[in-house]
Amino acid sequence: MDGGPITGIASLGHIDYINSKAEFSIIIGERKSQNVANFIEATRLMLCHGFYSLNLNRIYGGSISHDHVKLMCRLFNCKEEGVLRKEVFKNGSYCDVYRYGVLREEFRITN
C-alpha cells in the first residue's frame, strides 16, 4: 500500500443467506479522487462477488441522489424500487432516498 488517500469504500452488508440477499453501499472518498471509472469498477466487482461468490439472488441499495440510482440502472440493469420519503437528515434538511435493486438473472454490465 502506498499510503495515498482512500479512494472509497464499497461493501455488501445486511447479508441474509436465508433469503439470499444483501445491501450494497459505496462511499466515494475525497472529491479529487472521485471518478466514474473507479465507481464502475468497484460496483462491478462487488456485484459479481455477491452473485457469483456468495450465491446471492438479490442485491439492493439506495441513494439520496436520483442520478446515482439512474446510473446504477443504466450500467448494471438495476431497477428503481421506490422512494423512502424524507428518510435521511443531511445538511440541515430531510432528504428522500431512492431505492434500487437487481436480481442475479437481471444483472449485466453495460459500458
PDB file of N, CA and C in Angstrom:
ATOM      1  N   MET A   1       0.853  -1.176   0.000  1.00  0.00           N
ATOM      2  CA  MET A   1       0.000   0.000   0.000  1.00  0.00           C
ATOM      3  C   MET A   1       0.891   1.229   0.000  1.00  0.00           C
ATOM      4  N   ASP A   2       0.549   2.218  -0.816  1.00  0.00           N
ATOM      5  CA  ASP A   2       1.402   3.381  -0.955  1.00  0.00           C
ATOM      6  C   ASP A   2       1.099   4.498   0.034  1.00  0.00           C
ATOM      7  N   GLY A   3       0.083   4.349   0.848  1.00  0.00           N
ATOM      8  CA  GLY A   3      -0.248   5.357   1.843  1.00  0.00           C
ATOM      9  C   GLY A   3      -0.962   6.566   1.272  1.00  0.00           C
ATOM     10  N   GLY A   4      -1.463   6.470   0.037  1.00  0.00           N
ATOM     11  CA  GLY A   4      -2.188   7.568  -0.578  1.00  0.00           C
ATOM     12  C   GLY A   4      -3.577   7.711   0.011  1.00  0.00           C
ATOM     13  N   PRO A   5      -4.338   8.669  -0.491  1.00  0.00           N
ATOM     14  CA  PRO A   5      -5.695   8.881   0.038  1.00  0.00           C
ATOM     15  C   PRO A   5      -6.614   7.710  -0.299  1.00  0.00           C
ATOM     16  N   ILE A   6      -7.590   7.507   0.550  1.00  0.00           N
ATOM     17  CA  ILE A   6      -8.590   6.462   0.310  1.00  0.00           C
ATOM     18  C   ILE A   6      -9.496   6.929  -0.822  1.00  0.00           C
ATOM     19  N   THR A   7      -9.620   6.099  -1.841  1.00  0.00           N
ATOM     20  CA  THR A   7     -10.484   6.423  -2.972  1.00  0.00           C
ATOM     21  C   THR A   7     -11.944   6.234  -2.590  1.00  0.00           C
ATOM     22  N   GLY A   8     -12.226   5.239  -1.781  1.00  0.00           N
ATOM     23  CA  GLY A   8     -13.597   4.990  -1.355  1.00  0.00           C
ATOM     24  C   GLY A   8     -13.736   3.619  -0.732  1.00  0.00           C
ATOM     25  N   ILE A   9     -14.940   3.305  -0.353  1.00  0.00           N
ATOM     26  CA  ILE A   9     -15.245   2.016   0.280  1.00  0.00           C
ATOM     27  C   ILE A   9     -16.514   1.463  -0.361  1.00  0.00           C
ATOM     28  N   ALA A  10     -16.487   0.197  -0.721  1.00  0.00           N
ATOM     29  CA  ALA A  10     -17.665  -0.498  -1.235  1.00  0.00           C
ATOM     30  C   ALA A  10     -17.877  -1.737  -0.380  1.00  0.00           C
ATOM     31  N   SER A  11     -19.141  -2.041  -0.084  1.00  0.00           N
ATOM     32  CA  SER A  11     -19.392  -3.204   0.765  1.00  0.00           C
ATOM     33  C   SER A  11     -20.760  -3.809   0.487  1.00  0.00           C
ATOM     34  N   LEU A  12     -20.887  -5.062   0.876  1.00  0.00           N
ATOM     35  CA  LEU A  12     -22.171  -5.746   0.930  1.00  0.00           C
ATOM     36  C   LEU A  12     -22.473  -5.962   2.405  1.00  0.00           C
ATOM     37  N   GLY A  13     -23.589  -5.434   2.869  1.00  0.00           N
ATOM     38  CA  GLY A  13     -23.958  -5.554   4.268  1.00  0.00           C
ATOM     39  C   GLY A  13     -25.342  -6.155   4.412  1.00  0.00           C
ATOM     40  N   HIS A  14     -25.736  -6.342   5.657  1.00  0.00           N
ATOM     41  CA  HIS A  14     -27.035  -6.947   5.964  1.00  0.00           C
ATOM     42  C   HIS A  14     -27.242  -8.202   5.112  1.00  0.00           C
ATOM     43  N   ILE A  15     -26.195  -9.014   5.028  1.00  0.00           N
ATOM     44  CA  ILE A  15     -26.280 -10.229   4.207  1.00  0.00           C
ATOM     45  C   ILE A  15     -27.250 -11.204   4.874  1.00  0.00           C
ATOM     46  N   ASP A  16     -28.233 -11.619   4.114  1.00  0.00           N
ATOM     47  CA  ASP A  16     -29.284 -12.528   4.574  1.00  0.00           C
ATOM     48  C   ASP A  16     -29.185 -13.784   3.714  1.00  0.00           C
ATOM     49  N   TYR A  17     -28.512 -14.825   4.262  1.00  0.00           N
ATOM     50  CA  TYR A  17     -28.312 -16.045   3.496  1.00  0.00           C
ATOM     51  C   TYR A  17     -29.595 -16.875   3.357  1.00  0.00           C
ATOM     52  N   ILE A  18     -30.522 -16.705   4.275  1.00  0.00           N
ATOM     53  CA  ILE A  18     -31.780 -17.446   4.173  1.00  0.00           C
ATOM     54  C   ILE A  18     -32.570 -16.966   2.961  1.00  0.00           C
ATOM     55  N   ASN A  19     -32.665 -15.640   2.803  1.00  0.00           N
ATOM     56  CA  ASN A  19     -33.399 -15.070   1.678  1.00  0.00           C
ATOM     57  C   ASN A  19     -32.488 -14.685   0.512  1.00  0.00           C
ATOM     58  N   SER A  20     -31.214 -14.961   0.651  1.00  0.00           N
ATOM     59  CA  SER A  20     -30.234 -14.795  -0.418  1.00  0.00           C
ATOM     60  C   SER A  20     -30.186 -13.366  -0.972  1.00  0.00           C
ATOM     61  N   LYS A  21     -30.001 -12.397  -0.037  1.00  0.00           N
ATOM     62  CA  LYS A  21     -29.949 -11.003  -0.452  1.00  0.00           C
ATOM     63  C   LYS A  21     -28.963 -10.222   0.416  1.00  0.00           C
ATOM     64  N   ALA A  22     -28.544  -9.054  -0.083  1.00  0.00           N
ATOM     65  CA  ALA A  22     -27.640  -8.192   0.666  1.00  0.00           C
ATOM     66  C   ALA A  22     -27.817  -6.753   0.201  1.00  0.00           C
ATOM     67  N   GLU A  23     -27.388  -5.834   1.046  1.00  0.00           N
ATOM     68  CA  GLU A  23     -27.449  -4.414   0.721  1.00  0.00           C
ATOM     69  C   GLU A  23     -26.078  -3.938   0.258  1.00  0.00           C
ATOM     70  N   PHE A  24     -26.047  -3.278  -0.892  1.00  0.00           N
ATOM     71  CA  PHE A  24     -24.815  -2.721  -1.445  1.00  0.00           C
ATOM     72  C   PHE A  24     -24.682  -1.272  -1.017  1.00  0.00           C
ATOM     73  N   SER A  25     -23.497  -0.898  -0.590  1.00  0.00           N
ATOM     74  CA  SER A  25     -23.241   0.508  -0.300  1.00  0.00           C
ATOM     75  C   SER A  25     -21.861   0.883  -0.814  1.00  0.00           C
ATOM     76  N   ILE A  26     -21.743   2.123  -1.213  1.00  0.00           N
ATOM     77  CA  ILE A  26     -20.472   2.620  -1.712  1.00  0.00           C
ATOM     78  C   ILE A  26     -20.330   4.069  -1.265  1.00  0.00           C
ATOM     79  N   ILE A  27     -19.147   4.388  -0.792  1.00  0.00           N
ATOM     80  CA  ILE A  27     -18.805   5.757  -0.402  1.00  0.00           C
ATOM     81  C   ILE A  27     -17.566   6.128  -1.186  1.00  0.00           C
ATOM     82  N   ILE A  28     -17.665   7.186  -1.960  1.00  0.00           N
ATOM     83  CA  ILE A  28     -16.518   7.665  -2.720  1.00  0.00           C
ATOM     84  C   ILE A  28     -15.801   8.679  -1.851  1.00  0.00           C
ATOM     85  N   GLY A  29     -14.474   8.546  -1.762  1.00  0.00           N
ATOM     86  CA  GLY A  29     -13.657   9.362  -0.862  1.00  0.00           C
ATOM     87  C   GLY A  29     -13.534  10.813  -1.266  1.00  0.00           C
ATOM     88  N   GLU A  30     -12.359  11.341  -1.069  1.00  0.00           N
ATOM     89  CA  GLU A  30     -12.111  12.753  -1.320  1.00  0.00           C
ATOM     90  C   GLU A  30     -12.489  13.146  -2.741  1.00  0.00           C
ATOM     91  N   ARG A  31     -13.018  14.346  -2.872  1.00  0.00           N
ATOM     92  CA  ARG A  31     -13.541  14.806  -4.154  1.00  0.00           C
ATOM     93  C   ARG A  31     -12.515  14.701  -5.278  1.00  0.00           C
ATOM     94  N   LYS A  32     -11.254  14.994  -5.007  1.00  0.00           N
ATOM     95  CA  LYS A  32     -10.240  14.936  -6.071  1.00  0.00           C
ATOM     96  C   LYS A  32      -9.960  13.506  -6.533  1.00  0.00           C
ATOM     97  N   SER A  33     -10.332  12.505  -5.708  1.00  0.00           N
ATOM     98  CA  SER A  33     -10.135  11.102  -6.081  1.00  0.00           C
ATOM     99  C   SER A  33     -11.344  10.499  -6.770  1.00  0.00           C
ATOM    100  N   GLN A  34     -12.442  11.234  -6.817  1.00  0.00           N
ATOM    101  CA  GLN A  34     -13.681  10.696  -7.366  1.00  0.00           C
ATOM    102  C   GLN A  34     -13.633  10.667  -8.891  1.00  0.00           C
ATOM    103  N   ASN A  35     -13.950   9.520  -9.441  1.00  0.00           N
ATOM    104  CA  ASN A  35     -14.150   9.432 -10.886  1.00  0.00           C
ATOM    105  C   ASN A  35     -15.066   8.254 -11.185  1.00  0.00           C
ATOM    106  N   VAL A  36     -15.741   8.338 -12.300  1.00  0.00           N
ATOM    107  CA  VAL A  36     -16.747   7.342 -12.656  1.00  0.00           C
ATOM    108  C   VAL A  36     -16.116   5.967 -12.876  1.00  0.00           C
ATOM    109  N   ALA A  37     -14.911   5.923 -13.413  1.00  0.00           N
ATOM    110  CA  ALA A  37     -14.256   4.630 -13.678  1.00  0.00           C
ATOM    111  C   ALA A  37     -14.054   3.842 -12.384  1.00  0.00           C
ATOM    112  N   ASN A  38     -13.620   4.512 -11.314  1.00  0.00           N
ATOM    113  CA  ASN A  38     -13.448   3.826 -10.032  1.00  0.00           C
ATOM    114  C   ASN A  38     -14.781   3.338  -9.488  1.00  0.00           C
ATOM    115  N   PHE A  39     -15.819   4.173  -9.610  1.00  0.00           N
ATOM    116  CA  PHE A  39     -17.153   3.796  -9.154  1.00  0.00           C
ATOM    117  C   PHE A  39     -17.654   2.561  -9.906  1.00  0.00           C
ATOM    118  N   ILE A  40     -17.516   2.562 -11.227  1.00  0.00           N
ATOM    119  CA  ILE A  40     -17.999   1.444 -12.040  1.00  0.00           C
ATOM    120  C   ILE A  40     -17.256   0.158 -11.702  1.00  0.00           C
ATOM    121  N   GLU A  41     -15.942   0.234 -11.583  1.00  0.00           N
ATOM    122  CA  GLU A  41     -15.148  -0.970 -11.304  1.00  0.00           C
ATOM    123  C   GLU A  41     -15.454  -1.527  -9.919  1.00  0.00           C
ATOM    124  N   ALA A  42     -15.531  -0.670  -8.907  1.00  0.00           N
ATOM    125  CA  ALA A  42     -15.830  -1.138  -7.545  1.00  0.00           C
ATOM    126  C   ALA A  42     -17.220  -1.766  -7.480  1.00  0.00           C
ATOM    127  N   THR A  43     -18.184  -1.134  -8.135  1.00  0.00           N
ATOM    128  CA  THR A  43     -19.548  -1.662  -8.141  1.00  0.00           C
ATOM    129  C   THR A  43     -19.610  -2.998  -8.869  1.00  0.00           C
ATOM    130  N   ARG A  44     -18.977  -3.073 -10.023  1.00  0.00           N
ATOM    131  CA  ARG A  44     -18.956  -4.322 -10.790  1.00  0.00           C
ATOM    132  C   ARG A  44     -18.365  -5.456  -9.961  1.00  0.00           C
ATOM    133  N   LEU A  45     -17.235  -5.197  -9.307  1.00  0.00           N
ATOM    134  CA  LEU A  45     -16.579  -6.234  -8.502  1.00  0.00           C
ATOM    135  C   LEU A  45     -17.459  -6.688  -7.336  1.00  0.00           C
ATOM    136  N   MET A  46     -18.116  -5.751  -6.661  1.00  0.00           N
ATOM    137  CA  MET A  46     -18.955  -6.124  -5.525  1.00  0.00           C
ATOM    138  C   MET A  46     -20.195  -6.900  -5.966  1.00  0.00           C
ATOM    139  N   LEU A  47     -20.818  -6.482  -7.064  1.00  0.00           N
ATOM    140  CA  LEU A  47     -21.990  -7.209  -7.541  1.00  0.00           C
ATOM    141  C   LEU A  47     -21.610  -8.610  -8.024  1.00  0.00           C
ATOM    142  N   CYS A  48     -20.506  -8.725  -8.739  1.00  0.00           N
ATOM    143  CA  CYS A  48     -20.037 -10.056  -9.173  1.00  0.00           C
ATOM    144  C   CYS A  48     -19.734 -10.936  -7.961  1.00  0.00           C
ATOM    145  N   HIS A  49     -19.075 -10.377  -6.962  1.00  0.00           N
ATOM    146  CA  HIS A  49     -18.768 -11.141  -5.746  1.00  0.00           C
ATOM    147  C   HIS A  49     -20.064 -11.611  -5.075  1.00  0.00           C
ATOM    148  N   GLY A  50     -21.035 -10.710  -4.960  1.00  0.00           N
ATOM    149  CA  GLY A  50     -22.298 -11.074  -4.319  1.00  0.00           C
ATOM    150  C   GLY A  50     -23.045 -12.166  -5.055  1.00  0.00           C
ATOM    151  N   PHE A  51     -23.118 -12.050  -6.372  1.00  0.00           N
ATOM    152  CA  PHE A  51     -23.883 -13.021  -7.148  1.00  0.00           C
ATOM    153  C   PHE A  51     -23.134 -14.321  -7.375  1.00  0.00           C
ATOM    154  N   TYR A  52     -21.845 -14.255  -7.658  1.00  0.00           N
ATOM    155  CA  TYR A  52     -21.125 -15.450  -8.099  1.00  0.00           C
ATOM    156  C   TYR A  52     -20.273 -16.108  -7.021  1.00  0.00           C
ATOM    157  N   SER A  53     -19.874 -15.370  -5.978  1.00  0.00           N
ATOM    158  CA  SER A  53     -19.123 -15.990  -4.880  1.00  0.00           C
ATOM    159  C   SER A  53     -20.024 -16.284  -3.684  1.00  0.00           C
ATOM    160  N   LEU A  54     -20.886 -15.327  -3.335  1.00  0.00           N
ATOM    161  CA  LEU A  54     -21.766 -15.516  -2.186  1.00  0.00           C
ATOM    162  C   LEU A  54     -23.090 -16.173  -2.571  1.00  0.00           C
ATOM    163  N   ASN A  55     -23.317 -16.352  -3.863  1.00  0.00           N
ATOM    164  CA  ASN A  55     -24.519 -17.016  -4.379  1.00  0.00           C
ATOM    165  C   ASN A  55     -25.810 -16.294  -3.976  1.00  0.00           C
ATOM    166  N   LEU A  56     -25.771 -14.970  -3.983  1.00  0.00           N
ATOM    167  CA  LEU A  56     -26.953 -14.188  -3.658  1.00  0.00           C
ATOM    168  C   LEU A  56     -27.897 -14.141  -4.848  1.00  0.00           C
ATOM    169  N   ASN A  57     -29.165 -13.921  -4.573  1.00  0.00           N
ATOM    170  CA  ASN A  57     -30.171 -13.781  -5.623  1.00  0.00           C
ATOM    171  C   ASN A  57     -30.545 -12.321  -5.862  1.00  0.00           C
ATOM    172  N   ARG A  58     -30.401 -11.475  -4.823  1.00  0.00           N
ATOM    173  CA  ARG A  58     -30.829 -10.077  -4.922  1.00  0.00           C
ATOM    174  C   ARG A  58     -29.861  -9.175  -4.177  1.00  0.00           C
ATOM    175  N   ILE A  59     -29.507  -8.065  -4.811  1.00  0.00           N
ATOM    176  CA  ILE A  59     -28.687  -7.037  -4.174  1.00  0.00           C
ATOM    177  C   ILE A  59     -29.429  -5.718  -4.352  1.00  0.00           C
ATOM    178  N   TYR A  60     -29.513  -4.953  -3.276  1.00  0.00           N
ATOM    179  CA  TYR A  60     -30.285  -3.717  -3.289  1.00  0.00           C
ATOM    180  C   TYR A  60     -29.499  -2.600  -2.609  1.00  0.00           C
ATOM    181  N   GLY A  61     -29.946  -1.388  -2.802  1.00  0.00           N
ATOM    182  CA  GLY A  61     -29.312  -0.247  -2.161  1.00  0.00           C
ATOM    183  C   GLY A  61     -30.166   0.983  -2.313  1.00  0.00           C
ATOM    184  N   GLY A  62     -29.595   2.114  -1.948  1.00  0.00           N
ATOM    185  CA  GLY A  62     -30.319   3.360  -2.060  1.00  0.00           C
ATOM    186  C   GLY A  62     -29.373   4.534  -2.047  1.00  0.00           C
ATOM    187  N   SER A  63     -29.876   5.674  -2.487  1.00  0.00           N
ATOM    188  CA  SER A  63     -29.061   6.881  -2.552  1.00  0.00           C
ATOM    189  C   SER A  63     -29.964   8.101  -2.456  1.00  0.00           C
ATOM    190  N   ILE A  64     -29.421   9.183  -1.904  1.00  0.00           N
ATOM    191  CA  ILE A  64     -30.166  10.440  -1.909  1.00  0.00           C
ATOM    192  C   ILE A  64     -30.032  11.120  -3.272  1.00  0.00           C
ATOM    193  N   SER A  65     -29.167  10.581  -4.113  1.00  0.00           N
ATOM    194  CA  SER A  65     -29.003  11.116  -5.468  1.00  0.00           C
ATOM    195  C   SER A  65     -29.788  10.261  -6.460  1.00  0.00           C
ATOM    196  N   HIS A  66     -30.818  10.849  -7.050  1.00  0.00           N
ATOM    197  CA  HIS A  66     -31.577  10.117  -8.055  1.00  0.00           C
ATOM    198  C   HIS A  66     -30.700   9.832  -9.270  1.00  0.00           C
ATOM    199  N   ASP A  67     -29.744  10.715  -9.565  1.00  0.00           N
ATOM    200  CA  ASP A  67     -28.807  10.489 -10.676  1.00  0.00           C
ATOM    201  C   ASP A  67     -27.963   9.238 -10.446  1.00  0.00           C
ATOM    202  N   HIS A  68     -27.559   8.989  -9.193  1.00  0.00           N
ATOM    203  CA  HIS A  68     -26.786   7.784  -8.872  1.00  0.00           C
ATOM    204  C   HIS A  68     -27.605   6.533  -9.162  1.00  0.00           C
ATOM    205  N   VAL A  69     -28.863   6.558  -8.768  1.00  0.00           N
ATOM    206  CA  VAL A  69     -29.733   5.400  -8.998  1.00  0.00           C
ATOM    207  C   VAL A  69     -29.952   5.186 -10.492  1.00  0.00           C
ATOM    208  N   LYS A  70     -30.158   6.254 -11.244  1.00  0.00           N
ATOM    209  CA  LYS A  70     -30.318   6.122 -12.697  1.00  0.00           C
ATOM    210  C   LYS A  70     -29.057   5.538 -13.329  1.00  0.00           C
ATOM    211  N   LEU A  71     -27.880   5.926 -12.833  1.00  0.00           N
ATOM    212  CA  LEU A  71     -26.623   5.367 -13.336  1.00  0.00           C
ATOM    213  C   LEU A  71     -26.534   3.876 -13.029  1.00  0.00           C
ATOM    214  N   MET A  72     -26.910   3.469 -11.811  1.00  0.00           N
ATOM    215  CA  MET A  72     -26.908   2.045 -11.447  1.00  0.00           C
ATOM    216  C   MET A  72     -27.837   1.263 -12.368  1.00  0.00           C
ATOM    217  N   CYS A  73     -28.992   1.839 -12.664  1.00  0.00           N
ATOM    218  CA  CYS A  73     -29.964   1.161 -13.529  1.00  0.00           C
ATOM    219  C   CYS A  73     -29.417   1.029 -14.947  1.00  0.00           C
ATOM    220  N   ARG A  74     -28.792   2.075 -15.441  1.00  0.00           N
ATOM    221  CA  ARG A  74     -28.271   2.042 -16.807  1.00  0.00           C
ATOM    222  C   ARG A  74     -27.071   1.107 -16.943  1.00  0.00           C
ATOM    223  N   LEU A  75     -26.154   1.146 -15.994  1.00  0.00           N
ATOM    224  CA  LEU A  75     -24.912   0.367 -16.123  1.00  0.00           C
ATOM    225  C   LEU A  75     -25.054  -1.096 -15.727  1.00  0.00           C
ATOM    226  N   PHE A  76     -25.892  -1.382 -14.735  1.00  0.00           N
ATOM    227  CA  PHE A  76     -25.929  -2.733 -14.174  1.00  0.00           C
ATOM    228  C   PHE A  76     -27.313  -3.375 -14.233  1.00  0.00           C
ATOM    229  N   ASN A  77     -28.239  -2.749 -14.946  1.00  0.00           N
ATOM    230  CA  ASN A  77     -29.589  -3.259 -15.128  1.00  0.00           C
ATOM    231  C   ASN A  77     -30.382  -3.349 -13.821  1.00  0.00           C
ATOM    232  N   CYS A  78     -30.061  -2.476 -12.867  1.00  0.00           N
ATOM    233  CA  CYS A  78     -30.853  -2.386 -11.644  1.00  0.00           C
ATOM    234  C   CYS A  78     -32.221  -1.812 -11.992  1.00  0.00           C
ATOM    235  N   LYS A  79     -33.157  -1.996 -11.100  1.00  0.00           N
ATOM    236  CA  LYS A  79     -34.499  -1.457 -11.256  1.00  0.00           C
ATOM    237  C   LYS A  79     -34.777  -0.494 -10.105  1.00  0.00           C
ATOM    238  N   GLU A  80     -35.406   0.634 -10.415  1.00  0.00           N
ATOM    239  CA  GLU A  80     -35.839   1.540  -9.354  1.00  0.00           C
ATOM    240  C   GLU A  80     -36.984   0.862  -8.618  1.00  0.00           C
ATOM    241  N   GLU A  81     -36.909   0.850  -7.286  1.00  0.00           N
ATOM    242  CA  GLU A  81     -37.909   0.134  -6.499  1.00  0.00           C
ATOM    243  C   GLU A  81     -38.775   1.040  -5.638  1.00  0.00           C
ATOM    244  N   GLY A  82     -38.453   2.305  -5.583  1.00  0.00           N
ATOM    245  CA  GLY A  82     -39.297   3.203  -4.804  1.00  0.00           C
ATOM    246  C   GLY A  82     -38.524   4.317  -4.142  1.00  0.00           C
ATOM    247  N   VAL A  83     -39.243   5.117  -3.382  1.00  0.00           N
ATOM    248  CA  VAL A  83     -38.665   6.268  -2.695  1.00  0.00           C
ATOM    249  C   VAL A  83     -39.044   6.198  -1.226  1.00  0.00           C
ATOM    250  N   LEU A  84     -38.049   6.344  -0.367  1.00  0.00           N
ATOM    251  CA  LEU A  84     -38.292   6.480   1.063  1.00  0.00           C
ATOM    252  C   LEU A  84     -38.288   7.989   1.340  1.00  0.00           C
ATOM    253  N   ARG A  85     -39.451   8.534   1.567  1.00  0.00           N
ATOM    254  CA  ARG A  85     -39.592   9.981   1.684  1.00  0.00           C
ATOM    255  C   ARG A  85     -38.984  10.505   2.976  1.00  0.00           C
ATOM    256  N   LYS A  86     -38.161  11.544   2.823  1.00  0.00           N
ATOM    257  CA  LYS A  86     -37.511  12.224   3.949  1.00  0.00           C
ATOM    258  C   LYS A  86     -36.877  11.228   4.919  1.00  0.00           C
ATOM    259  N   GLU A  87     -36.131  10.312   4.367  1.00  0.00           N
ATOM    260  CA  GLU A  87     -35.527   9.204   5.122  1.00  0.00           C
ATOM    261  C   GLU A  87     -34.244   9.610   5.844  1.00  0.00           C
ATOM    262  N   VAL A  88     -33.499  10.567   5.294  1.00  0.00           N
ATOM    263  CA  VAL A  88     -32.173  10.906   5.818  1.00  0.00           C
ATOM    264  C   VAL A  88     -32.107  12.403   6.121  1.00  0.00           C
ATOM    265  N   PHE A  89     -31.536  12.737   7.281  1.00  0.00           N
ATOM    266  CA  PHE A  89     -31.315  14.136   7.640  1.00  0.00           C
ATOM    267  C   PHE A  89     -29.879  14.490   7.266  1.00  0.00           C
ATOM    268  N   LYS A  90     -29.708  15.404   6.312  1.00  0.00           N
ATOM    269  CA  LYS A  90     -28.371  15.764   5.835  1.00  0.00           C
ATOM    270  C   LYS A  90     -28.309  17.258   5.553  1.00  0.00           C
ATOM    271  N   ASN A  91     -27.252  17.881   6.020  1.00  0.00           N
ATOM    272  CA  ASN A  91     -27.031  19.317   5.799  1.00  0.00           C
ATOM    273  C   ASN A  91     -28.240  20.165   6.187  1.00  0.00           C
ATOM    274  N   GLY A  92     -28.848  19.825   7.300  1.00  0.00           N
ATOM    275  CA  GLY A  92     -29.917  20.651   7.837  1.00  0.00           C
ATOM    276  C   GLY A  92     -31.315  20.391   7.316  1.00  0.00           C
ATOM    277  N   SER A  93     -31.480  19.394   6.449  1.00  0.00           N
ATOM    278  CA  SER A  93     -32.831  19.103   5.965  1.00  0.00           C
ATOM    279  C   SER A  93     -32.979  17.611   5.693  1.00  0.00           C
ATOM    280  N   TYR A  94     -34.224  17.182   5.591  1.00  0.00           N
ATOM    281  CA  TYR A  94     -34.514  15.780   5.310  1.00  0.00           C
ATOM    282  C   TYR A  94     -34.474  15.533   3.798  1.00  0.00           C
ATOM    283  N   CYS A  95     -33.919  14.393   3.420  1.00  0.00           N
ATOM    284  CA  CYS A  95     -33.775  14.027   2.003  1.00  0.00           C
ATOM    285  C   CYS A  95     -34.482  12.708   1.738  1.00  0.00           C
ATOM    286  N   ASP A  96     -35.023  12.582   0.546  1.00  0.00           N
ATOM    287  CA  ASP A  96     -35.579  11.310   0.094  1.00  0.00           C
ATOM    288  C   ASP A  96     -34.433  10.351  -0.229  1.00  0.00           C
ATOM    289  N   VAL A  97     -34.694   9.061  -0.101  1.00  0.00           N
ATOM    290  CA  VAL A  97     -33.749   8.023  -0.516  1.00  0.00           C
ATOM    291  C   VAL A  97     -34.412   7.231  -1.638  1.00  0.00           C
ATOM    292  N   TYR A  98     -33.726   7.162  -2.756  1.00  0.00           N
ATOM    293  CA  TYR A  98     -34.214   6.431  -3.930  1.00  0.00           C
ATOM    294  C   TYR A  98     -33.644   5.021  -3.873  1.00  0.00           C
ATOM    295  N   ARG A  99     -34.527   4.022  -3.880  1.00  0.00           N
ATOM    296  CA  ARG A  99     -34.117   2.625  -3.735  1.00  0.00           C
ATOM    297  C   ARG A  99     -34.010   1.949  -5.101  1.00  0.00           C
ATOM    298  N   TYR A 100     -33.062   1.023  -5.196  1.00  0.00           N
ATOM    299  CA  TYR A 100     -32.876   0.223  -6.407  1.00  0.00           C
ATOM    300  C   TYR A 100     -32.518  -1.192  -6.004  1.00  0.00           C
ATOM    301  N   GLY A 101     -32.687  -2.112  -6.932  1.00  0.00           N
ATOM    302  CA  GLY A 101     -32.317  -3.497  -6.691  1.00  0.00           C
ATOM    303  C   GLY A 101     -32.058  -4.195  -8.009  1.00  0.00           C
ATOM    304  N   VAL A 102     -31.324  -5.288  -7.906  1.00  0.00           N
ATOM    305  CA  VAL A 102     -31.055  -6.100  -9.096  1.00  0.00           C
ATOM    306  C   VAL A 102     -31.030  -7.570  -8.676  1.00  0.00           C
ATOM    307  N   LEU A 103     -31.629  -8.402  -9.507  1.00  0.00           N
ATOM    308  CA  LEU A 103     -31.614  -9.845  -9.296  1.00  0.00           C
ATOM    309  C   LEU A 103     -30.466 -10.450 -10.099  1.00  0.00           C
ATOM    310  N   ARG A 104     -29.986 -11.601  -9.654  1.00  0.00           N
ATOM    311  CA  ARG A 104     -28.890 -12.263 -10.363  1.00  0.00           C
ATOM    312  C   ARG A 104     -29.229 -12.466 -11.838  1.00  0.00           C
ATOM    313  N   GLU A 105     -30.468 -12.877 -12.123  1.00  0.00           N
ATOM    314  CA  GLU A 105     -30.866 -13.148 -13.514  1.00  0.00           C
ATOM    315  C   GLU A 105     -30.937 -11.882 -14.361  1.00  0.00           C
ATOM    316  N   GLU A 106     -31.044 -10.704 -13.721  1.00  0.00           N
ATOM    317  CA  GLU A 106     -31.117  -9.438 -14.453  1.00  0.00           C
ATOM    318  C   GLU A 106     -29.757  -8.766 -14.605  1.00  0.00           C
ATOM    319  N   PHE A 107     -28.825  -9.131 -13.743  1.00  0.00           N
ATOM    320  CA  PHE A 107     -27.536  -8.437 -13.671  1.00  0.00           C
ATOM    321  C   PHE A 107     -26.779  -8.512 -14.998  1.00  0.00           C
ATOM    322  N   ARG A 108     -26.349  -7.363 -15.442  1.00  0.00           N
ATOM    323  CA  ARG A 108     -25.464  -7.275 -16.596  1.00  0.00           C
ATOM    324  C   ARG A 108     -24.689  -5.980 -16.503  1.00  0.00           C
ATOM    325  N   ILE A 109     -23.579  -5.940 -17.177  1.00  0.00           N
ATOM    326  CA  ILE A 109     -22.723  -4.766 -17.182  1.00  0.00           C
ATOM    327  C   ILE A 109     -22.777  -4.162 -18.576  1.00  0.00           C
ATOM    328  N   THR A 110     -23.104  -2.884 -18.656  1.00  0.00           N
ATOM    329  CA  THR A 110     -23.133  -2.190 -19.934  1.00  0.00           C
ATOM    330  C   THR A 110     -22.179  -1.019 -19.867  1.00  0.00           C
ATOM    331  N   ASN A 111     -21.256  -0.936 -20.767  1.00  0.00           N
ATOM    332  CA  ASN A 111     -20.327   0.218 -20.790  1.00  0.00           C
ATOM    333  C   ASN A 111     -20.371   0.864 -22.136  1.00  0.00           C
TER     334      ASN A 111
END
